[in-house]
Amino acid sequence: MDRRRFILTAGAMTSAGTQALCAYLPAPPPAPPLMALLAASVRADFGPGFSVCAADITGALTRATIENHGNRYVIERTGTADWIIRHSSDL
C-alpha cells in the first residue's frame, strides 16, 4: 500500500469512527434561560437583594434594569467586563 492510499484510508476510518462515537455520547444539558444567567450575574456583583426587572442584549452590550428595596438602577456591561451603573432612581 502506498503512502497516499494509506492516508486516505486512515482519514476515512477516523471520520467514520468519530461519527460512530458521537452517536453514543449523551446530549449536552440544555442552556439555562438568559434571565436566570443575568440574575445570577447581578446577584454575584451587587448582592442577593437585587432582582432583574428587564434586560436587553445587543451584540456585546448587555443592558439591564435592576431593583433593590424600592430603588431602580439601569446597568450595562460590554462583554465580560464589570457592570456599570448608568442611571438610578427611587420608586
Protein backbone atom coordinates (compact mmCIF):
# COMPACT_ATOMS: atom_id res chain seq x y z
CA MET A 1 0.00 0.00 0.00
CA ASP A 2 1.43 3.36 -0.97
CA ARG A 3 1.50 6.34 1.36
CA ARG A 4 -1.30 8.26 -0.38
CA ARG A 5 -3.76 5.34 -0.19
CA PHE A 6 -2.84 4.76 3.47
CA ILE A 7 -3.55 8.41 4.39
CA LEU A 8 -6.89 8.40 2.54
CA THR A 9 -7.95 5.14 4.17
CA ALA A 10 -6.86 6.23 7.65
CA GLY A 11 -8.70 9.55 7.25
CA ALA A 12 -11.90 7.82 6.14
CA MET A 13 -11.75 5.37 9.03
CA THR A 14 -11.14 8.17 11.54
CA SER A 15 -14.12 10.11 10.22
CA ALA A 16 -16.38 7.06 10.41
CA GLY A 17 -15.12 6.24 13.91
CA THR A 18 -15.76 9.78 15.12
CA GLN A 19 -19.30 9.72 13.78
CA ALA A 20 -19.97 6.37 15.44
CA LEU A 21 -18.54 7.62 18.74
CA CYS A 22 -20.65 10.79 18.65
CA ALA A 23 -23.79 8.70 18.23
CA TYR A 24 -23.20 7.16 21.69
CA LEU A 25 -22.28 10.33 23.58
CA PRO A 26 -25.04 11.83 25.75
CA ALA A 27 -26.65 15.07 24.61
CA PRO A 28 -25.34 18.22 26.31
CA PRO A 29 -27.57 19.66 29.03
CA PRO A 30 -29.88 22.47 27.93
CA ALA A 31 -28.60 26.00 28.41
CA PRO A 32 -30.19 27.89 31.30
CA PRO A 33 -32.56 30.71 30.36
CA LEU A 34 -30.96 34.08 29.69
CA MET A 35 -32.75 35.90 32.51
CA ALA A 36 -31.56 33.30 35.02
CA LEU A 37 -27.96 33.85 33.92
CA LEU A 38 -28.34 37.63 34.16
CA ALA A 39 -29.98 37.38 37.58
CA ALA A 40 -27.14 35.20 38.85
CA SER A 41 -24.55 37.64 37.49
CA VAL A 42 -26.30 40.65 39.03
CA ARG A 43 -26.65 38.93 42.43
CA ALA A 44 -22.99 37.94 42.35
CA ASP A 45 -21.85 41.51 41.62
CA PHE A 46 -24.41 43.61 43.54
CA GLY A 47 -25.73 41.31 46.27
CA PRO A 48 -28.60 38.90 46.94
CA GLY A 49 -31.30 41.57 47.36
CA PHE A 50 -31.26 42.68 43.73
CA SER A 51 -33.72 41.43 41.12
CA VAL A 52 -33.65 41.84 37.34
CA CYS A 53 -36.74 43.66 36.02
CA ALA A 54 -35.80 43.81 32.32
CA ALA A 55 -32.81 43.08 30.13
CA ASP A 56 -31.67 43.75 26.58
CA ILE A 57 -28.68 42.32 24.73
CA THR A 58 -27.41 43.88 21.52
CA GLY A 59 -24.14 42.46 20.26
CA ALA A 60 -21.62 42.58 23.09
CA LEU A 61 -23.59 45.19 25.10
CA THR A 62 -25.85 43.92 27.89
CA ARG A 63 -28.20 46.44 29.48
CA ALA A 64 -30.47 45.57 32.40
CA THR A 65 -32.86 47.29 34.79
CA ILE A 66 -32.50 46.02 38.35
CA GLU A 67 -34.35 46.77 41.56
CA ASN A 68 -33.48 46.67 45.26
CA HIS A 69 -35.61 47.95 48.18
CA GLY A 70 -37.55 50.46 46.05
CA ASN A 71 -34.55 51.73 44.14
CA ARG A 72 -34.24 51.03 40.42
CA TYR A 73 -30.94 51.05 38.52
CA VAL A 74 -30.07 50.85 34.83
CA ILE A 75 -26.80 48.96 34.46
CA GLU A 76 -24.79 47.81 31.47
CA ARG A 77 -21.65 45.93 30.58
CA THR A 78 -19.67 45.11 27.49
CA GLY A 79 -18.55 41.50 27.12
CA THR A 80 -17.35 40.13 30.44
CA ALA A 81 -16.41 43.48 31.98
CA ASP A 82 -17.88 44.64 35.30
CA TRP A 83 -21.34 46.16 35.42
CA ILE A 84 -21.54 49.97 35.15
CA ILE A 85 -24.42 51.88 36.75
CA ARG A 86 -25.81 54.30 34.13
CA HIS A 87 -28.89 55.61 35.95
CA SER A 88 -30.53 55.27 39.34
CA SER A 89 -33.93 56.40 40.62
CA ASP A 90 -36.23 55.97 43.63
CA LEU A 91 -39.57 54.28 43.05
